[in-house]
Amino acid sequence: MLAAASYLYIISLADLILGLHSRHGAANRAGPFSMVLARSVPIGMLTVLQKSEVSMRASADIFIIEQAVNLLNQQAWCWGRDIMRAEGNWLIDIGFDRIEPPVNRKHCSSLYALALPQRRCVVLRGFGVFYGDSQWGGIFLPRYEFQPRYTTHATLACPPWSKADLPELNPPTESQQHACAMLTLDLIDWIQSYEVNIVEKLGIEYRRSTLLEWDNGTQPVVSAEDFASAWRELSLRVASNFNAFLGVSHT
């Protein structure tokens, strides 16, 4: 009986801590259980709980960002394979422009740019993705970091043959965070739609075959069946805690 009571107490504490993560965090903080706990637990214990909660949140954020990096890394691989598809370059088929490097940058690979409705654009590079919207500005999403970097410019002045060709990119200021978040979410939605379209037009077997080459046994792999939904799940996580993807630490 004592063991059962201890188990219930541990679950209750976990519920309190994890409840602070929810999108209704303010309401949870003021909930009746937390008020009872605050009256019955010594201040020192509450301090320990608060520190544990911060540590748990930071660890969860790191895990989610690692998942996001892995997802974008896999996506970039798939774009490369879609370009080399035996039946023809899929990016060209869906409207991308292939831009060849100039003579003085001939060591660089071609880049792919797509003009979208409502004055939006996507530019794909091996080292990341640029997404611009005339309403919000632009972001560059580095392939191996998944920390969006913001610019007020919705288009690129020159093709990004290398990172040095990108405009000045910075973490968004407080007043720019909404625009940066909207751009990040729009880009994720576009990628999800891209993968849905792949399955609808080319079939799930095509994406499975692509990922067979990606699965070398040393890196995480999201299955073809779960690929689009993984982007949807990431969108929800970004929307609920955008600061985590900017490298903003918990205090």
C-alpha atoms as a PDB file:
ATOM      1  CA  MET A   1       0.000   0.000   0.000  1.00  0.00           C
ATOM      2  CA  LEU A   2       2.862   2.323   0.835  1.00  0.00           C
ATOM      3  CA  ALA A   3       4.515   1.605  -2.500  1.00  0.00           C
ATOM      4  CA  ALA A   4       1.299   2.474  -4.328  1.00  0.00           C
ATOM      5  CA  ALA A   5       0.965   5.738  -2.409  1.00  0.00           C
ATOM      6  CA  SER A   6       4.571   6.675  -3.252  1.00  0.00           C
ATOM      7  CA  TYR A   7       3.942   5.920  -6.916  1.00  0.00           C
ATOM      8  CA  LEU A   8       0.883   8.163  -6.989  1.00  0.00           C
ATOM      9  CA  TYR A   9       2.842  10.950  -5.304  1.00  0.00           C
ATOM     10  CA  ILE A  10       5.620  10.713  -7.897  1.00  0.00           C
ATOM     11  CA  ILE A  11       3.104  10.822 -10.719  1.00  0.00           C
ATOM     12  CA  SER A  12       1.477  13.878  -9.170  1.00  0.00           C
ATOM     13  CA  LEU A  13       4.799  15.703  -8.989  1.00  0.00           C
ATOM     14  CA  ALA A  14       5.551  14.771 -12.607  1.00  0.00           C
ATOM     15  CA  ASP A  15       2.138  16.057 -13.626  1.00  0.00           C
ATOM     16  CA  LEU A  16       2.863  19.350 -11.917  1.00  0.00           C
ATOM     17  CA  ILE A  17       6.251  19.739 -13.576  1.00  0.00           C
ATOM     18  CA  LEU A  18       5.180  18.633 -17.028  1.00  0.00           C
ATOM     19  CA  GLY A  19       2.024  20.703 -16.808  1.00  0.00           C
ATOM     20  CA  LEU A  20       4.190  23.789 -16.966  1.00  0.00           C
ATOM     21  CA  HIS A  21       5.105  22.752 -20.522  1.00  0.00           C
ATOM     22  CA  SER A  22       1.595  22.944 -21.868  1.00  0.00           C
ATOM     23  CA  ARG A  23       0.299  25.712 -24.069  1.00  0.00           C
ATOM     24  CA  HIS A  24      -1.859  26.751 -21.119  1.00  0.00           C
ATOM     25  CA  GLY A  25       1.092  27.089 -18.782  1.00  0.00           C
ATOM     26  CA  ALA A  26      -0.227  30.191 -17.029  1.00  0.00           C
ATOM     27  CA  ALA A  27      -3.452  28.438 -16.104  1.00  0.00           C
ATOM     28  CA  ASN A  28      -1.544  25.393 -14.856  1.00  0.00           C
ATOM     29  CA  ARG A  29       0.656  27.505 -12.651  1.00  0.00           C
ATOM     30  CA  ALA A  30      -2.431  28.841 -10.928  1.00  0.00           C
ATOM     31  CA  GLY A  31      -4.196  25.476 -10.745  1.00  0.00           C
ATOM     32  CA  PRO A  32      -5.564  24.176  -7.436  1.00  0.00           C
ATOM     33  CA  PHE A  33      -3.086  21.315  -7.172  1.00  0.00           C
ATOM     34  CA  SER A  34      -0.085  23.617  -7.498  1.00  0.00           C
ATOM     35  CA  MET A  35      -1.567  25.952  -4.877  1.00  0.00           C
ATOM     36  CA  VAL A  36      -2.051  23.046  -2.441  1.00  0.00           C
ATOM     37  CA  LEU A  37       1.471  21.794  -3.131  1.00  0.00           C
ATOM     38  CA  ALA A  38       2.890  25.279  -2.601  1.00  0.00           C
ATOM     39  CA  ARG A  39       1.261  25.409   0.839  1.00  0.00           C
ATOM     40  CA  SER A  40       2.332  21.902   1.872  1.00  0.00           C
ATOM     41  CA  VAL A  41       5.890  21.616   0.484  1.00  0.00           C
ATOM     42  CA  PRO A  42       8.797  23.525   2.102  1.00  0.00           C
ATOM     43  CA  ILE A  43      10.315  26.407   0.124  1.00  0.00           C
ATOM     44  CA  GLY A  44      13.575  24.500  -0.318  1.00  0.00           C
ATOM     45  CA  MET A  45      11.729  21.595  -1.900  1.00  0.00           C
ATOM     46  CA  LEU A  46       9.896  23.938  -4.249  1.00  0.00           C
ATOM     47  CA  THR A  47      13.237  25.409  -5.313  1.00  0.00           C
ATOM     48  CA  VAL A  48      14.508  21.919  -6.122  1.00  0.00           C
ATOM     49  CA  LEU A  49      11.341  21.201  -8.094  1.00  0.00           C
ATOM     50  CA  GLN A  50      11.688  24.448 -10.012  1.00  0.00           C
ATOM     51  CA  LYS A  51      15.301  23.691 -10.902  1.00  0.00           C
ATOM     52  CA  SER A  52      14.313  20.180 -11.955  1.00  0.00           C
ATOM     53  CA  GLU A  53      11.530  21.574 -14.109  1.00  0.00           C
ATOM     54  CA  VAL A  54      13.953  23.959 -15.845  1.00  0.00           C
ATOM     55  CA  SER A  55      16.404  21.094 -16.417  1.00  0.00           C
ATOM     56  CA  MET A  56      13.661  18.875 -17.830  1.00  0.00           C
ATOM     57  CA  ARG A  57      12.495  21.602 -20.186  1.00  0.00           C
ATOM     58  CA  ALA A  58      16.036  22.268 -21.405  1.00  0.00           C
ATOM     59  CA  SER A  59      16.640  18.553 -22.008  1.00  0.00           C
ATOM     60  CA  ALA A  60      13.332  18.238 -23.861  1.00  0.00           C
ATOM     61  CA  ASP A  61      14.207  21.236 -26.024  1.00  0.00           C
ATOM     62  CA  ILE A  62      17.591  19.743 -26.939  1.00  0.00           C
ATOM     63  CA  PHE A  63      15.944  16.457 -27.904  1.00  0.00           C
ATOM     64  CA  ILE A  64      13.319  18.185 -30.063  1.00  0.00           C
ATOM     65  CA  ILE A  65      15.938  20.306 -31.831  1.00  0.00           C
ATOM     66  CA  GLU A  66      18.036  17.201 -32.523  1.00  0.00           C
ATOM     67  CA  GLN A  67      14.965  15.594 -34.075  1.00  0.00           C
ATOM     68  CA  ALA A  68      14.394  18.715 -36.192  1.00  0.00           C
ATOM     69  CA  VAL A  69      18.024  18.700 -37.398  1.00  0.00           C
ATOM     70  CA  ASN A  70      17.745  15.031 -38.330  1.00  0.00           C
ATOM     71  CA  LEU A  71      14.488  15.672 -40.169  1.00  0.00           C
ATOM     72  CA  LEU A  72      15.889  18.554 -42.229  1.00  0.00           C
ATOM     73  CA  ASN A  73      19.072  16.621 -42.929  1.00  0.00           C
ATOM     74  CA  GLN A  74      17.016  13.715 -44.267  1.00  0.00           C
ATOM     75  CA  GLN A  75      14.863  16.115 -46.289  1.00  0.00           C
ATOM     76  CA  ALA A  76      17.888  17.725 -47.921  1.00  0.00           C
ATOM     77  CA  TRP A  77      19.109  14.249 -48.918  1.00  0.00           C
ATOM     78  CA  CYS A  78      15.718  13.492 -50.439  1.00  0.00           C
ATOM     79  CA  TRP A  79      15.725  16.725 -52.440  1.00  0.00           C
ATOM     80  CA  GLY A  80      19.081  15.685 -53.863  1.00  0.00           C
ATOM     81  CA  ARG A  81      17.721  12.273 -54.829  1.00  0.00           C
ATOM     82  CA  ASP A  82      14.582  13.847 -56.306  1.00  0.00           C
ATOM     83  CA  ILE A  83      16.850  15.930 -58.543  1.00  0.00           C
ATOM     84  CA  MET A  84      18.629  12.786 -59.719  1.00  0.00           C
ATOM     85  CA  ARG A  85      15.455  10.727 -60.225  1.00  0.00           C
ATOM     86  CA  ALA A  86      15.870   8.336 -63.149  1.00  0.00           C
ATOM     87  CA  GLU A  87      12.586   9.449 -64.743  1.00  0.00           C
ATOM     88  CA  GLY A  88      13.607  13.113 -64.636  1.00  0.00           C
ATOM     89  CA  ASN A  89      14.423  15.947 -62.250  1.00  0.00           C
ATOM     90  CA  TRP A  90      11.392  16.198 -59.959  1.00  0.00           C
ATOM     91  CA  LEU A  91      12.184  19.727 -58.793  1.00  0.00           C
ATOM     92  CA  ILE A  92      12.171  20.946 -62.383  1.00  0.00           C
ATOM     93  CA  ASP A  93       8.930  19.052 -62.994  1.00  0.00           C
ATOM     94  CA  ILE A  94       7.125  20.925 -60.196  1.00  0.00           C
ATOM     95  CA  GLY A  95       8.305  24.358 -61.263  1.00  0.00           C
ATOM     96  CA  PHE A  96      11.710  24.996 -59.692  1.00  0.00           C
ATOM     97  CA  ASP A  97      14.276  26.975 -61.654  1.00  0.00           C
ATOM     98  CA  ARG A  98      17.753  25.486 -61.774  1.00  0.00           C
ATOM     99  CA  ILE A  99      20.388  28.201 -61.591  1.00  0.00           C
ATOM    100  CA  GLU A 100      23.835  27.217 -62.774  1.00  0.00           C
ATOM    101  CA  PRO A 101      26.904  28.707 -61.057  1.00  0.00           C
ATOM    102  CA  PRO A 102      28.905  31.363 -62.908  1.00  0.00           C
ATOM    103  CA  VAL A 103      32.324  30.532 -64.298  1.00  0.00           C
ATOM    104  CA  ASN A 104      34.120  31.954 -61.274  1.00  0.00           C
ATOM    105  CA  ARG A 105      32.027  29.710 -58.975  1.00  0.00           C
ATOM    106  CA  LYS A 106      32.092  26.587 -61.114  1.00  0.00           C
ATOM    107  CA  HIS A 107      33.112  24.473 -58.096  1.00  0.00           C
ATOM    108  CA  CYS A 108      29.634  25.120 -56.646  1.00  0.00           C
ATOM    109  CA  SER A 109      26.608  22.981 -57.417  1.00  0.00           C
ATOM    110  CA  SER A 110      23.471  24.340 -59.057  1.00  0.00           C
ATOM    111  CA  LEU A 111      20.831  25.835 -56.812  1.00  0.00           C
ATOM    112  CA  TYR A 112      17.065  25.540 -57.080  1.00  0.00           C
ATOM    113  CA  ALA A 113      14.598  28.392 -56.616  1.00  0.00           C
ATOM    114  CA  LEU A 114      10.805  28.295 -56.658  1.00  0.00           C
ATOM    115  CA  ALA A 115       8.523  31.315 -56.902  1.00  0.00           C
ATOM    116  CA  LEU A 116       5.348  30.777 -54.877  1.00  0.00           C
ATOM    117  CA  PRO A 117       2.037  32.685 -54.919  1.00  0.00           C
ATOM    118  CA  GLN A 118       1.669  35.878 -52.876  1.00  0.00           C
ATOM    119  CA  ARG A 119       5.272  36.962 -53.487  1.00  0.00           C
ATOM    120  CA  ARG A 120       6.891  34.095 -51.619  1.00  0.00           C
ATOM    121  CA  CYS A 121       9.912  32.015 -52.595  1.00  0.00           C
ATOM    122  CA  VAL A 122      11.968  28.972 -51.614  1.00  0.00           C
ATOM    123  CA  VAL A 123      15.664  28.527 -52.397  1.00  0.00           C
ATOM    124  CA  LEU A 124      17.267  25.133 -51.774  1.00  0.00           C
ATOM    125  CA  ARG A 125      20.957  24.645 -51.058  1.00  0.00           C
ATOM    126  CA  GLY A 126      22.871  21.705 -49.699  1.00  0.00           C
ATOM    127  CA  PHE A 127      23.697  23.680 -46.561  1.00  0.00           C
ATOM    128  CA  GLY A 128      20.195  24.967 -45.857  1.00  0.00           C
ATOM    129  CA  VAL A 129      16.971  26.523 -47.077  1.00  0.00           C
ATOM    130  CA  PHE A 130      15.973  30.139 -47.628  1.00  0.00           C
ATOM    131  CA  TYR A 131      12.304  31.094 -47.442  1.00  0.00           C
ATOM    132  CA  GLY A 132      11.005  34.586 -48.167  1.00  0.00           C
ATOM    133  CA  ASP A 133       7.644  36.298 -47.949  1.00  0.00           C
ATOM    134  CA  SER A 134       7.114  39.939 -48.873  1.00  0.00           C
ATOM    135  CA  GLN A 135       4.870  40.352 -45.834  1.00  0.00           C
ATOM    136  CA  TRP A 136       7.327  39.040 -43.236  1.00  0.00           C
ATOM    137  CA  GLY A 137      10.858  39.148 -44.657  1.00  0.00           C
ATOM    138  CA  GLY A 138      13.031  36.063 -44.971  1.00  0.00           C
ATOM    139  CA  ILE A 139      14.703  33.283 -43.000  1.00  0.00           C
ATOM    140  CA  PHE A 140      17.569  30.947 -43.640  1.00  0.00           C
ATOM    141  CA  LEU A 141      17.317  27.557 -41.970  1.00  0.00           C
ATOM    142  CA  PRO A 142      20.761  25.941 -41.622  1.00  0.00           C
ATOM    143  CA  ARG A 143      20.729  22.240 -42.399  1.00  0.00           C
ATOM    144  CA  TYR A 144      22.716  21.123 -39.362  1.00  0.00           C
ATOM    145  CA  GLU A 145      21.414  23.563 -36.759  1.00  0.00           C
ATOM    146  CA  PHE A 146      17.706  24.176 -37.310  1.00  0.00           C
ATOM    147  CA  GLN A 147      17.943  27.638 -35.804  1.00  0.00           C
ATOM    148  CA  PRO A 148      16.154  30.081 -38.127  1.00  0.00           C
ATOM    149  CA  ARG A 149      18.098  33.230 -38.894  1.00  0.00           C
ATOM    150  CA  TYR A 150      16.117  36.289 -39.900  1.00  0.00           C
ATOM    151  CA  THR A 151      16.432  39.080 -42.443  1.00  0.00           C
ATOM    152  CA  THR A 152      14.019  41.836 -43.337  1.00  0.00           C
ATOM    153  CA  HIS A 153      14.649  41.014 -47.011  1.00  0.00           C
ATOM    154  CA  ALA A 154      12.147  38.639 -48.619  1.00  0.00           C
ATOM    155  CA  THR A 155      14.388  37.931 -51.635  1.00  0.00           C
ATOM    156  CA  LEU A 156      18.078  37.301 -52.134  1.00  0.00           C
ATOM    157  CA  ALA A 157      20.194  39.932 -53.844  1.00  0.00           C
ATOM    158  CA  CYS A 158      22.430  37.228 -55.326  1.00  0.00           C
ATOM    159  CA  PRO A 159      22.292  33.436 -55.523  1.00  0.00           C
ATOM    160  CA  PRO A 160      23.726  31.831 -52.361  1.00  0.00           C
ATOM    161  CA  TRP A 161      26.523  29.792 -53.875  1.00  0.00           C
ATOM    162  CA  SER A 162      28.028  29.682 -50.401  1.00  0.00           C
ATOM    163  CA  LYS A 163      27.036  30.896 -46.956  1.00  0.00           C
ATOM    164  CA  ALA A 164      29.080  34.042 -47.574  1.00  0.00           C
ATOM    165  CA  ASP A 165      26.614  35.041 -50.306  1.00  0.00           C
ATOM    166  CA  LEU A 166      23.681  35.144 -47.899  1.00  0.00           C
ATOM    167  CA  PRO A 167      22.463  38.513 -46.602  1.00  0.00           C
ATOM    168  CA  GLU A 168      23.161  39.472 -43.009  1.00  0.00           C
ATOM    169  CA  LEU A 169      21.217  36.971 -40.926  1.00  0.00           C
ATOM    170  CA  ASN A 170      20.638  37.206 -37.200  1.00  0.00           C
ATOM    171  CA  PRO A 171      18.447  35.777 -34.486  1.00  0.00           C
ATOM    172  CA  PRO A 172      15.268  37.882 -34.570  1.00  0.00           C
ATOM    173  CA  THR A 173      14.884  40.748 -32.166  1.00  0.00           C
ATOM    174  CA  GLU A 174      11.879  40.656 -29.864  1.00  0.00           C
ATOM    175  CA  SER A 175       9.865  42.754 -32.322  1.00  0.00           C
ATOM    176  CA  GLN A 176      10.869  40.442 -35.204  1.00  0.00           C
ATOM    177  CA  GLN A 177      10.074  37.130 -33.510  1.00  0.00           C
ATOM    178  CA  HIS A 178       6.491  36.965 -34.752  1.00  0.00           C
ATOM    179  CA  ALA A 179       7.588  37.459 -38.366  1.00  0.00           C
ATOM    180  CA  CYS A 180      10.382  34.900 -37.951  1.00  0.00           C
ATOM    181  CA  ALA A 181       7.988  32.382 -36.413  1.00  0.00           C
ATOM    182  CA  MET A 182       5.455  32.852 -39.217  1.00  0.00           C
ATOM    183  CA  LEU A 183       8.159  32.316 -41.842  1.00  0.00           C
ATOM    184  CA  THR A 184       9.456  29.196 -40.100  1.00  0.00           C
ATOM    185  CA  LEU A 185       5.975  27.698 -39.807  1.00  0.00           C
ATOM    186  CA  ASP A 186       5.167  28.534 -43.435  1.00  0.00           C
ATOM    187  CA  LEU A 187       8.371  26.869 -44.599  1.00  0.00           C
ATOM    188  CA  ILE A 188       7.633  23.743 -42.558  1.00  0.00           C
ATOM    189  CA  ASP A 189       4.111  23.643 -44.004  1.00  0.00           C
ATOM    190  CA  TRP A 190       5.536  23.936 -47.507  1.00  0.00           C
ATOM    191  CA  ILE A 191       7.945  21.052 -46.863  1.00  0.00           C
ATOM    192  CA  GLN A 192       5.119  18.923 -45.495  1.00  0.00           C
ATOM    193  CA  SER A 193       3.044  19.668 -48.596  1.00  0.00           C
ATOM    194  CA  TYR A 194       6.037  18.754 -50.764  1.00  0.00           C
ATOM    195  CA  GLU A 195       6.249  15.318 -49.164  1.00  0.00           C
ATOM    196  CA  VAL A 196       2.485  14.765 -49.389  1.00  0.00           C
ATOM    197  CA  ASN A 197       2.696  15.624 -53.085  1.00  0.00           C
ATOM    198  CA  ILE A 198       5.602  13.204 -53.574  1.00  0.00           C
ATOM    199  CA  VAL A 199       3.514  10.316 -52.258  1.00  0.00           C
ATOM    200  CA  GLU A 200       0.415  11.357 -54.203  1.00  0.00           C
ATOM    201  CA  LYS A 201       2.244  11.779 -57.519  1.00  0.00           C
ATOM    202  CA  LEU A 202       5.163   9.346 -57.352  1.00  0.00           C
ATOM    203  CA  GLY A 203       3.909   6.834 -54.799  1.00  0.00           C
ATOM    204  CA  ILE A 204       5.063   5.726 -51.373  1.00  0.00           C
ATOM    205  CA  GLU A 205       7.390   3.132 -52.899  1.00  0.00           C
ATOM    206  CA  TYR A 206       9.403   5.897 -54.552  1.00  0.00           C
ATOM    207  CA  ARG A 207      10.078   7.611 -51.231  1.00  0.00           C
ATOM    208  CA  ARG A 208      10.802   4.283 -49.562  1.00  0.00           C
ATOM    209  CA  SER A 209      13.436   3.528 -52.189  1.00  0.00           C
ATOM    210  CA  THR A 210      14.976   6.961 -51.642  1.00  0.00           C
ATOM    211  CA  LEU A 211      15.230   6.372 -47.915  1.00  0.00           C
ATOM    212  CA  LEU A 212      16.788   2.920 -48.368  1.00  0.00           C
ATOM    213  CA  GLU A 213      19.877   4.740 -49.618  1.00  0.00           C
ATOM    214  CA  TRP A 214      19.729   7.186 -46.712  1.00  0.00           C
ATOM    215  CA  ASP A 215      19.512   4.437 -44.069  1.00  0.00           C
ATOM    216  CA  ASN A 216      23.175   3.571 -43.527  1.00  0.00           C
ATOM    217  CA  GLY A 217      22.662   2.306 -39.989  1.00  0.00           C
ATOM    218  CA  THR A 218      24.433   5.248 -38.339  1.00  0.00           C
ATOM    219  CA  GLN A 219      21.742   7.943 -38.332  1.00  0.00           C
ATOM    220  CA  PRO A 220      18.061   8.280 -37.427  1.00  0.00           C
ATOM    221  CA  VAL A 221      15.602   7.604 -40.236  1.00  0.00           C
ATOM    222  CA  VAL A 222      11.998   8.766 -40.456  1.00  0.00           C
ATOM    223  CA  SER A 223      10.028   6.279 -42.535  1.00  0.00           C
ATOM    224  CA  ALA A 224       8.361   7.256 -45.785  1.00  0.00           C
ATOM    225  CA  GLU A 225       4.988   6.666 -44.152  1.00  0.00           C
ATOM    226  CA  ASP A 226       5.787   9.063 -41.291  1.00  0.00           C
ATOM    227  CA  PHE A 227       7.803  11.675 -43.189  1.00  0.00           C
ATOM    228  CA  ALA A 228       5.063  14.238 -43.905  1.00  0.00           C
ATOM    229  CA  SER A 229       3.421  13.785 -40.502  1.00  0.00           C
ATOM    230  CA  ALA A 230       6.795  14.320 -38.819  1.00  0.00           C
ATOM    231  CA  TRP A 231       6.921  17.775 -40.374  1.00  0.00           C
ATOM    232  CA  ARG A 232       3.392  18.426 -39.128  1.00  0.00           C
ATOM    233  CA  GLU A 233       4.402  17.395 -35.623  1.00  0.00           C
ATOM    234  CA  LEU A 234       7.442  19.661 -35.805  1.00  0.00           C
ATOM    235  CA  SER A 235       5.204  22.546 -36.853  1.00  0.00           C
ATOM    236  CA  LEU A 236       3.144  22.090 -33.689  1.00  0.00           C
ATOM    237  CA  ARG A 237       6.267  22.031 -31.543  1.00  0.00           C
ATOM    238  CA  VAL A 238       7.654  25.175 -33.161  1.00  0.00           C
ATOM    239  CA  ALA A 239       4.336  26.967 -32.706  1.00  0.00           C
ATOM    240  CA  SER A 240       4.152  26.036 -29.020  1.00  0.00           C
ATOM    241  CA  ASN A 241       7.758  26.894 -28.116  1.00  0.00           C
ATOM    242  CA  PHE A 242       9.455  28.942 -30.823  1.00  0.00           C
ATOM    243  CA  ASN A 243      12.106  30.358 -28.497  1.00  0.00           C
ATOM    244  CA  ALA A 244      13.628  26.894 -28.078  1.00  0.00           C
ATOM    245  CA  PHE A 245      14.551  26.915 -31.774  1.00  0.00           C
ATOM    246  CA  LEU A 246      16.256  30.289 -31.420  1.00  0.00           C
ATOM    247  CA  GLY A 247      18.626  29.013 -28.773  1.00  0.00           C
ATOM    248  CA  VAL A 248      16.874  30.976 -26.014  1.00  0.00           C
ATOM    249  CA  SER A 249      17.744  29.387 -22.705  1.00  0.00           C
ATOM    250  CA  HIS A 250      15.307  28.823 -19.832  1.00  0.00           C
ATOM    251  CA  THR A 251      15.740  30.852 -16.675  1.00  0.00           C
END
